[in-house]
Amino acid sequence: MRKKFKSLAKITPFSAFVQFLFTFGLIDSIGLTAPAYGLLIAIGIQVTLTTISAQSFTKLNKMPIYSTILLSIFSLCYLKLFF
């Protein structure tokens, strides 16, 4: 259990940094869709790195990937419709 917590303690800040970079650093160049892309990439990184650290390649949990894609599509559509 301690090993899993240590791996998450390293992965989560990296994913948060990617989200921060997209939200605040790339908003001038990408626009309002930057947070949606950042969320998609950050959670994708988190799921991939967590799977690698847990060494469960055959049991890749696809639900976080699907929910991330749906949430990002919703965010992009919402931004396109209202902004």
PDB file of N, CA and C in Angstrom:
ATOM      1  N   MET A   1       0.822  -1.188   0.000  1.00  0.00           N
ATOM      2  CA  MET A   1       0.000   0.000   0.000  1.00  0.00           C
ATOM      3  C   MET A   1       0.870   1.257   0.000  1.00  0.00           C
ATOM      4  N   ARG A   2       1.948   1.237   0.745  1.00  0.00           N
ATOM      5  CA  ARG A   2       2.823   2.395   0.828  1.00  0.00           C
ATOM      6  C   ARG A   2       3.485   2.681  -0.522  1.00  0.00           C
ATOM      7  N   LYS A   3       3.828   1.621  -1.242  1.00  0.00           N
ATOM      8  CA  LYS A   3       4.453   1.782  -2.557  1.00  0.00           C
ATOM      9  C   LYS A   3       3.480   2.437  -3.537  1.00  0.00           C
ATOM     10  N   LYS A   4       2.216   2.027  -3.491  1.00  0.00           N
ATOM     11  CA  LYS A   4       1.217   2.621  -4.382  1.00  0.00           C
ATOM     12  C   LYS A   4       1.007   4.088  -4.052  1.00  0.00           C
ATOM     13  N   PHE A   5       0.996   4.435  -2.777  1.00  0.00           N
ATOM     14  CA  PHE A   5       0.820   5.831  -2.390  1.00  0.00           C
ATOM     15  C   PHE A   5       1.996   6.679  -2.855  1.00  0.00           C
ATOM     16  N   LYS A   6       3.205   6.146  -2.762  1.00  0.00           N
ATOM     17  CA  LYS A   6       4.382   6.886  -3.201  1.00  0.00           C
ATOM     18  C   LYS A   6       4.343   7.136  -4.705  1.00  0.00           C
ATOM     19  N   SER A   7       3.888   6.160  -5.469  1.00  0.00           N
ATOM     20  CA  SER A   7       3.807   6.368  -6.909  1.00  0.00           C
ATOM     21  C   SER A   7       2.748   7.412  -7.248  1.00  0.00           C
ATOM     22  N   LEU A   8       1.611   7.392  -6.544  1.00  0.00           N
ATOM     23  CA  LEU A   8       0.587   8.412  -6.772  1.00  0.00           C
ATOM     24  C   LEU A   8       1.058   9.792  -6.325  1.00  0.00           C
ATOM     25  N   ALA A   9       1.883   9.831  -5.291  1.00  0.00           N
ATOM     26  CA  ALA A   9       2.404  11.109  -4.808  1.00  0.00           C
ATOM     27  C   ALA A   9       3.335  11.753  -5.831  1.00  0.00           C
ATOM     28  N   LYS A  10       3.893  10.969  -6.725  1.00  0.00           N
ATOM     29  CA  LYS A  10       4.740  11.516  -7.786  1.00  0.00           C
ATOM     30  C   LYS A  10       3.948  11.807  -9.057  1.00  0.00           C
ATOM     31  N   ILE A  11       2.955  10.987  -9.345  1.00  0.00           N
ATOM     32  CA  ILE A  11       2.191  11.122 -10.590  1.00  0.00           C
ATOM     33  C   ILE A  11       1.209  12.283 -10.539  1.00  0.00           C
ATOM     34  N   THR A  12       0.519  12.449  -9.437  1.00  0.00           N
ATOM     35  CA  THR A  12      -0.520  13.471  -9.336  1.00  0.00           C
ATOM     36  C   THR A  12       0.020  14.891  -9.504  1.00  0.00           C
ATOM     37  N   PRO A  13       1.125  15.267  -8.866  1.00  0.00           N
ATOM     38  CA  PRO A  13       1.637  16.625  -9.106  1.00  0.00           C
ATOM     39  C   PRO A  13       2.053  16.865 -10.560  1.00  0.00           C
ATOM     40  N   PHE A  14       2.564  15.839 -11.219  1.00  0.00           N
ATOM     41  CA  PHE A  14       2.934  15.983 -12.624  1.00  0.00           C
ATOM     42  C   PHE A  14       1.702  16.252 -13.480  1.00  0.00           C
ATOM     43  N   SER A  15       0.631  15.512 -13.233  1.00  0.00           N
ATOM     44  CA  SER A  15      -0.616  15.730 -13.968  1.00  0.00           C
ATOM     45  C   SER A  15      -1.212  17.102 -13.654  1.00  0.00           C
ATOM     46  N   ALA A  16      -1.123  17.502 -12.399  1.00  0.00           N
ATOM     47  CA  ALA A  16      -1.617  18.829 -12.014  1.00  0.00           C
ATOM     48  C   ALA A  16      -0.813  19.930 -12.695  1.00  0.00           C
ATOM     49  N   PHE A  17       0.485  19.731 -12.849  1.00  0.00           N
ATOM     50  CA  PHE A  17       1.320  20.716 -13.543  1.00  0.00           C
ATOM     51  C   PHE A  17       0.919  20.826 -15.013  1.00  0.00           C
ATOM     52  N   VAL A  18       0.644  19.701 -15.647  1.00  0.00           N
ATOM     53  CA  VAL A  18       0.204  19.730 -17.048  1.00  0.00           C
ATOM     54  C   VAL A  18      -1.106  20.492 -17.167  1.00  0.00           C
ATOM     55  N   GLN A  19      -2.036  20.232 -16.254  1.00  0.00           N
ATOM     56  CA  GLN A  19      -3.313  20.955 -16.262  1.00  0.00           C
ATOM     57  C   GLN A  19      -3.093  22.443 -16.033  1.00  0.00           C
ATOM     58  N   PHE A  20      -2.236  22.800 -15.105  1.00  0.00           N
ATOM     59  CA  PHE A  20      -1.929  24.202 -14.827  1.00  0.00           C
ATOM     60  C   PHE A  20      -1.303  24.875 -16.051  1.00  0.00           C
ATOM     61  N   LEU A  21      -0.401  24.164 -16.709  1.00  0.00           N
ATOM     62  CA  LEU A  21       0.260  24.707 -17.889  1.00  0.00           C
ATOM     63  C   LEU A  21      -0.750  25.025 -18.985  1.00  0.00           C
ATOM     64  N   PHE A  22      -1.666  24.102 -19.230  1.00  0.00           N
ATOM     65  CA  PHE A  22      -2.670  24.345 -20.260  1.00  0.00           C
ATOM     66  C   PHE A  22      -3.639  25.445 -19.846  1.00  0.00           C
ATOM     67  N   THR A  23      -4.064  25.429 -18.586  1.00  0.00           N
ATOM     68  CA  THR A  23      -5.073  26.385 -18.147  1.00  0.00           C
ATOM     69  C   THR A  23      -4.553  27.813 -18.133  1.00  0.00           C
ATOM     70  N   PHE A  24      -3.352  28.012 -17.629  1.00  0.00           N
ATOM     71  CA  PHE A  24      -2.846  29.377 -17.484  1.00  0.00           C
ATOM     72  C   PHE A  24      -1.755  29.746 -18.480  1.00  0.00           C
ATOM     73  N   GLY A  25      -0.999  28.759 -18.961  1.00  0.00           N
ATOM     74  CA  GLY A  25       0.111  29.076 -19.844  1.00  0.00           C
ATOM     75  C   GLY A  25      -0.248  29.125 -21.312  1.00  0.00           C
ATOM     76  N   LEU A  26      -1.162  28.281 -21.727  1.00  0.00           N
ATOM     77  CA  LEU A  26      -1.480  28.188 -23.148  1.00  0.00           C
ATOM     78  C   LEU A  26      -2.820  28.804 -23.523  1.00  0.00           C
ATOM     79  N   ILE A  27      -3.467  29.453 -22.584  1.00  0.00           N
ATOM     80  CA  ILE A  27      -4.781  30.019 -22.885  1.00  0.00           C
ATOM     81  C   ILE A  27      -4.688  31.167 -23.893  1.00  0.00           C
ATOM     82  N   ASP A  28      -3.561  31.872 -23.913  1.00  0.00           N
ATOM     83  CA  ASP A  28      -3.403  32.956 -24.887  1.00  0.00           C
ATOM     84  C   ASP A  28      -3.254  32.420 -26.307  1.00  0.00           C
ATOM     85  N   SER A  29      -2.578  31.296 -26.456  1.00  0.00           N
ATOM     86  CA  SER A  29      -2.353  30.771 -27.806  1.00  0.00           C
ATOM     87  C   SER A  29      -3.463  29.826 -28.268  1.00  0.00           C
ATOM     88  N   ILE A  30      -4.026  29.021 -27.376  1.00  0.00           N
ATOM     89  CA  ILE A  30      -5.066  28.066 -27.762  1.00  0.00           C
ATOM     90  C   ILE A  30      -6.455  28.667 -27.597  1.00  0.00           C
ATOM     91  N   GLY A  31      -6.644  29.468 -26.574  1.00  0.00           N
ATOM     92  CA  GLY A  31      -7.949  30.064 -26.315  1.00  0.00           C
ATOM     93  C   GLY A  31      -8.656  29.386 -25.163  1.00  0.00           C
ATOM     94  N   LEU A  32      -9.970  29.543 -25.123  1.00  0.00           N
ATOM     95  CA  LEU A  32     -10.759  29.003 -24.018  1.00  0.00           C
ATOM     96  C   LEU A  32     -10.844  27.484 -24.022  1.00  0.00           C
ATOM     97  N   THR A  33     -10.437  26.845 -25.099  1.00  0.00           N
ATOM     98  CA  THR A  33     -10.456  25.388 -25.129  1.00  0.00           C
ATOM     99  C   THR A  33      -9.227  24.777 -24.459  1.00  0.00           C
ATOM    100  N   ALA A  34      -8.274  25.592 -24.062  1.00  0.00           N
ATOM    101  CA  ALA A  34      -7.047  25.097 -23.422  1.00  0.00           C
ATOM    102  C   ALA A  34      -7.321  24.275 -22.161  1.00  0.00           C
ATOM    103  N   PRO A  35      -8.213  24.707 -21.249  1.00  0.00           N
ATOM    104  CA  PRO A  35      -8.478  23.869 -20.068  1.00  0.00           C
ATOM    105  C   PRO A  35      -9.084  22.507 -20.418  1.00  0.00           C
ATOM    106  N   ALA A  36      -9.917  22.449 -21.443  1.00  0.00           N
ATOM    107  CA  ALA A  36     -10.503  21.158 -21.841  1.00  0.00           C
ATOM    108  C   ALA A  36      -9.422  20.226 -22.379  1.00  0.00           C
ATOM    109  N   TYR A  37      -8.536  20.760 -23.216  1.00  0.00           N
ATOM    110  CA  TYR A  37      -7.431  19.936 -23.714  1.00  0.00           C
ATOM    111  C   TYR A  37      -6.497  19.544 -22.575  1.00  0.00           C
ATOM    112  N   GLY A  38      -6.243  20.466 -21.664  1.00  0.00           N
ATOM    113  CA  GLY A  38      -5.385  20.172 -20.519  1.00  0.00           C
ATOM    114  C   GLY A  38      -5.948  19.074 -19.647  1.00  0.00           C
ATOM    115  N   LEU A  39      -7.258  19.109 -19.431  1.00  0.00           N
ATOM    116  CA  LEU A  39      -7.908  18.069 -18.636  1.00  0.00           C
ATOM    117  C   LEU A  39      -7.781  16.717 -19.317  1.00  0.00           C
ATOM    118  N   LEU A  40      -8.015  16.681 -20.604  1.00  0.00           N
ATOM    119  CA  LEU A  40      -7.909  15.431 -21.346  1.00  0.00           C
ATOM    120  C   LEU A  40      -6.503  14.858 -21.264  1.00  0.00           C
ATOM    121  N   ILE A  41      -5.511  15.683 -21.475  1.00  0.00           N
ATOM    122  CA  ILE A  41      -4.122  15.221 -21.453  1.00  0.00           C
ATOM    123  C   ILE A  41      -3.687  14.849 -20.041  1.00  0.00           C
ATOM    124  N   ALA A  42      -4.033  15.661 -19.047  1.00  0.00           N
ATOM    125  CA  ALA A  42      -3.612  15.401 -17.666  1.00  0.00           C
ATOM    126  C   ALA A  42      -4.191  14.095 -17.137  1.00  0.00           C
ATOM    127  N   ILE A  43      -5.466  13.854 -17.366  1.00  0.00           N
ATOM    128  CA  ILE A  43      -6.056  12.611 -16.868  1.00  0.00           C
ATOM    129  C   ILE A  43      -5.551  11.420 -17.671  1.00  0.00           C
ATOM    130  N   GLY A  44      -5.307  11.623 -18.949  1.00  0.00           N
ATOM    131  CA  GLY A  44      -4.712  10.547 -19.739  1.00  0.00           C
ATOM    132  C   GLY A  44      -3.335  10.168 -19.223  1.00  0.00           C
ATOM    133  N   ILE A  45      -2.546  11.174 -18.884  1.00  0.00           N
ATOM    134  CA  ILE A  45      -1.222  10.921 -18.304  1.00  0.00           C
ATOM    135  C   ILE A  45      -1.360  10.201 -16.968  1.00  0.00           C
ATOM    136  N   GLN A  46      -2.296  10.658 -16.148  1.00  0.00           N
ATOM    137  CA  GLN A  46      -2.483  10.051 -14.830  1.00  0.00           C
ATOM    138  C   GLN A  46      -2.891   8.580 -14.937  1.00  0.00           C
ATOM    139  N   VAL A  47      -3.828   8.284 -15.820  1.00  0.00           N
ATOM    140  CA  VAL A  47      -4.272   6.898 -15.980  1.00  0.00           C
ATOM    141  C   VAL A  47      -3.136   6.026 -16.509  1.00  0.00           C
ATOM    142  N   THR A  48      -2.406   6.531 -17.490  1.00  0.00           N
ATOM    143  CA  THR A  48      -1.318   5.754 -18.077  1.00  0.00           C
ATOM    144  C   THR A  48      -0.201   5.500 -17.074  1.00  0.00           C
ATOM    145  N   LEU A  49       0.242   6.548 -16.379  1.00  0.00           N
ATOM    146  CA  LEU A  49       1.330   6.373 -15.423  1.00  0.00           C
ATOM    147  C   LEU A  49       0.925   5.528 -14.218  1.00  0.00           C
ATOM    148  N   THR A  50      -0.315   5.647 -13.793  1.00  0.00           N
ATOM    149  CA  THR A  50      -0.788   4.817 -12.682  1.00  0.00           C
ATOM    150  C   THR A  50      -0.835   3.351 -13.093  1.00  0.00           C
ATOM    151  N   THR A  51      -1.260   3.098 -14.323  1.00  0.00           N
ATOM    152  CA  THR A  51      -1.277   1.729 -14.817  1.00  0.00           C
ATOM    153  C   THR A  51       0.128   1.160 -14.903  1.00  0.00           C
ATOM    154  N   ILE A  52       1.066   1.963 -15.369  1.00  0.00           N
ATOM    155  CA  ILE A  52       2.452   1.507 -15.471  1.00  0.00           C
ATOM    156  C   ILE A  52       3.031   1.248 -14.083  1.00  0.00           C
ATOM    157  N   SER A  53       2.788   2.154 -13.141  1.00  0.00           N
ATOM    158  CA  SER A  53       3.353   1.965 -11.803  1.00  0.00           C
ATOM    159  C   SER A  53       2.719   0.788 -11.067  1.00  0.00           C
ATOM    160  N   ALA A  54       1.453   0.501 -11.341  1.00  0.00           N
ATOM    161  CA  ALA A  54       0.791  -0.647 -10.705  1.00  0.00           C
ATOM    162  C   ALA A  54       1.097  -1.951 -11.433  1.00  0.00           C
ATOM    163  N   GLN A  55       1.730  -1.843 -12.579  1.00  0.00           N
ATOM    164  CA  GLN A  55       2.109  -2.999 -13.404  1.00  0.00           C
ATOM    165  C   GLN A  55       0.909  -3.879 -13.729  1.00  0.00           C
ATOM    166  N   SER A  56      -0.187  -3.232 -14.091  1.00  0.00           N
ATOM    167  CA  SER A  56      -1.388  -3.972 -14.473  1.00  0.00           C
ATOM    168  C   SER A  56      -1.763  -3.608 -15.905  1.00  0.00           C
ATOM    169  N   PHE A  57      -0.876  -3.927 -16.824  1.00  0.00           N
ATOM    170  CA  PHE A  57      -1.082  -3.558 -18.217  1.00  0.00           C
ATOM    171  C   PHE A  57      -2.280  -4.265 -18.837  1.00  0.00           C
ATOM    172  N   THR A  58      -2.519  -5.483 -18.439  1.00  0.00           N
ATOM    173  CA  THR A  58      -3.637  -6.228 -19.014  1.00  0.00           C
ATOM    174  C   THR A  58      -4.974  -5.796 -18.426  1.00  0.00           C
ATOM    175  N   LYS A  59      -4.943  -5.182 -17.253  1.00  0.00           N
ATOM    176  CA  LYS A  59      -6.172  -4.772 -16.585  1.00  0.00           C
ATOM    177  C   LYS A  59      -6.325  -3.249 -16.607  1.00  0.00           C
ATOM    178  N   LEU A  60      -6.001  -2.620 -17.733  1.00  0.00           N
ATOM    179  CA  LEU A  60      -6.115  -1.171 -17.850  1.00  0.00           C
ATOM    180  C   LEU A  60      -7.560  -0.751 -17.624  1.00  0.00           C
ATOM    181  N   ASN A  61      -7.756   0.085 -16.655  1.00  0.00           N
ATOM    182  CA  ASN A  61      -9.094   0.560 -16.336  1.00  0.00           C
ATOM    183  C   ASN A  61      -9.484   1.612 -17.362  1.00  0.00           C
ATOM    184  N   LYS A  62     -10.442   1.281 -18.190  1.00  0.00           N
ATOM    185  CA  LYS A  62     -10.823   2.166 -19.285  1.00  0.00           C
ATOM    186  C   LYS A  62     -11.880   3.198 -18.886  1.00  0.00           C
ATOM    187  N   MET A  63     -12.526   3.024 -17.757  1.00  0.00           N
ATOM    188  CA  MET A  63     -13.577   3.961 -17.354  1.00  0.00           C
ATOM    189  C   MET A  63     -13.057   5.381 -17.162  1.00  0.00           C
ATOM    190  N   PRO A  64     -11.905   5.620 -16.512  1.00  0.00           N
ATOM    191  CA  PRO A  64     -11.412   6.996 -16.419  1.00  0.00           C
ATOM    192  C   PRO A  64     -11.100   7.608 -17.780  1.00  0.00           C
ATOM    193  N   ILE A  65     -10.640   6.789 -18.711  1.00  0.00           N
ATOM    194  CA  ILE A  65     -10.354   7.303 -20.052  1.00  0.00           C
ATOM    195  C   ILE A  65     -11.651   7.703 -20.748  1.00  0.00           C
ATOM    196  N   TYR A  66     -12.670   6.840 -20.663  1.00  0.00           N
ATOM    197  CA  TYR A  66     -13.952   7.158 -21.293  1.00  0.00           C
ATOM    198  C   TYR A  66     -14.602   8.385 -20.664  1.00  0.00           C
ATOM    199  N   SER A  67     -14.584   8.455 -19.345  1.00  0.00           N
ATOM    200  CA  SER A  67     -15.193   9.617 -18.691  1.00  0.00           C
ATOM    201  C   SER A  67     -14.425  10.898 -19.003  1.00  0.00           C
ATOM    202  N   THR A  68     -13.117  10.815 -19.148  1.00  0.00           N
ATOM    203  CA  THR A  68     -12.322  11.978 -19.512  1.00  0.00           C
ATOM    204  C   THR A  68     -12.656  12.451 -20.910  1.00  0.00           C
ATOM    205  N   ILE A  69     -12.769  11.509 -21.823  1.00  0.00           N
ATOM    206  CA  ILE A  69     -13.108  11.873 -23.200  1.00  0.00           C
ATOM    207  C   ILE A  69     -14.487  12.509 -23.261  1.00  0.00           C
ATOM    208  N   LEU A  70     -15.459  11.926 -22.560  1.00  0.00           N
ATOM    209  CA  LEU A  70     -16.814  12.502 -22.555  1.00  0.00           C
ATOM    210  C   LEU A  70     -16.843  13.884 -21.908  1.00  0.00           C
ATOM    211  N   LEU A  71     -16.136  14.041 -20.799  1.00  0.00           N
ATOM    212  CA  LEU A  71     -16.094  15.338 -20.141  1.00  0.00           C
ATOM    213  C   LEU A  71     -15.410  16.384 -21.016  1.00  0.00           C
ATOM    214  N   SER A  72     -14.348  16.004 -21.692  1.00  0.00           N
ATOM    215  CA  SER A  72     -13.649  16.942 -22.566  1.00  0.00           C
ATOM    216  C   SER A  72     -14.499  17.311 -23.778  1.00  0.00           C
ATOM    217  N   ILE A  73     -15.189  16.332 -24.352  1.00  0.00           N
ATOM    218  CA  ILE A  73     -16.080  16.628 -25.480  1.00  0.00           C
ATOM    219  C   ILE A  73     -17.191  17.573 -25.035  1.00  0.00           C
ATOM    220  N   PHE A  74     -17.765  17.321 -23.863  1.00  0.00           N
ATOM    221  CA  PHE A  74     -18.792  18.213 -23.340  1.00  0.00           C
ATOM    222  C   PHE A  74     -18.243  19.624 -23.132  1.00  0.00           C
ATOM    223  N   SER A  75     -17.033  19.717 -22.557  1.00  0.00           N
ATOM    224  CA  SER A  75     -16.429  21.029 -22.315  1.00  0.00           C
ATOM    225  C   SER A  75     -16.184  21.763 -23.622  1.00  0.00           C
ATOM    226  N   LEU A  76     -15.670  21.061 -24.608  1.00  0.00           N
ATOM    227  CA  LEU A  76     -15.412  21.699 -25.905  1.00  0.00           C
ATOM    228  C   LEU A  76     -16.702  22.144 -26.578  1.00  0.00           C
ATOM    229  N   CYS A  77     -17.722  21.292 -26.549  1.00  0.00           N
ATOM    230  CA  CYS A  77     -19.011  21.667 -27.140  1.00  0.00           C
ATOM    231  C   CYS A  77     -19.628  22.844 -26.411  1.00  0.00           C
ATOM    232  N   TYR A  78     -19.564  22.834 -25.102  1.00  0.00           N
ATOM    233  CA  TYR A  78     -20.119  23.945 -24.318  1.00  0.00           C
ATOM    234  C   TYR A  78     -19.419  25.254 -24.666  1.00  0.00           C
ATOM    235  N   LEU A  79     -18.086  25.200 -24.781  1.00  0.00           N
ATOM    236  CA  LEU A  79     -17.355  26.413 -25.124  1.00  0.00           C
ATOM    237  C   LEU A  79     -17.658  26.879 -26.536  1.00  0.00           C
ATOM    238  N   LYS A  80     -17.817  25.954 -27.467  1.00  0.00           N
ATOM    239  CA  LYS A  80     -18.110  26.330 -28.847  1.00  0.00           C
ATOM    240  C   LYS A  80     -19.515  26.925 -28.968  1.00  0.00           C
ATOM    241  N   LEU A  81     -20.472  26.412 -28.188  1.00  0.00           N
ATOM    242  CA  LEU A  81     -21.843  26.894 -28.279  1.00  0.00           C
ATOM    243  C   LEU A  81     -22.039  28.261 -27.631  1.00  0.00           C
ATOM    244  N   PHE A  82     -21.393  28.494 -26.494  1.00  0.00           N
ATOM    245  CA  PHE A  82     -21.680  29.695 -25.719  1.00  0.00           C
ATOM    246  C   PHE A  82     -20.607  30.762 -25.783  1.00  0.00           C
ATOM    247  N   PHE A  83     -19.442  30.457 -26.344  1.00  0.00           N
ATOM    248  CA  PHE A  83     -18.399  31.469 -26.398  1.00  0.00           C
ATOM    249  C   PHE A  83     -17.889  31.617 -27.781  1.00  0.00           C
TER     250      PHE A  83
END
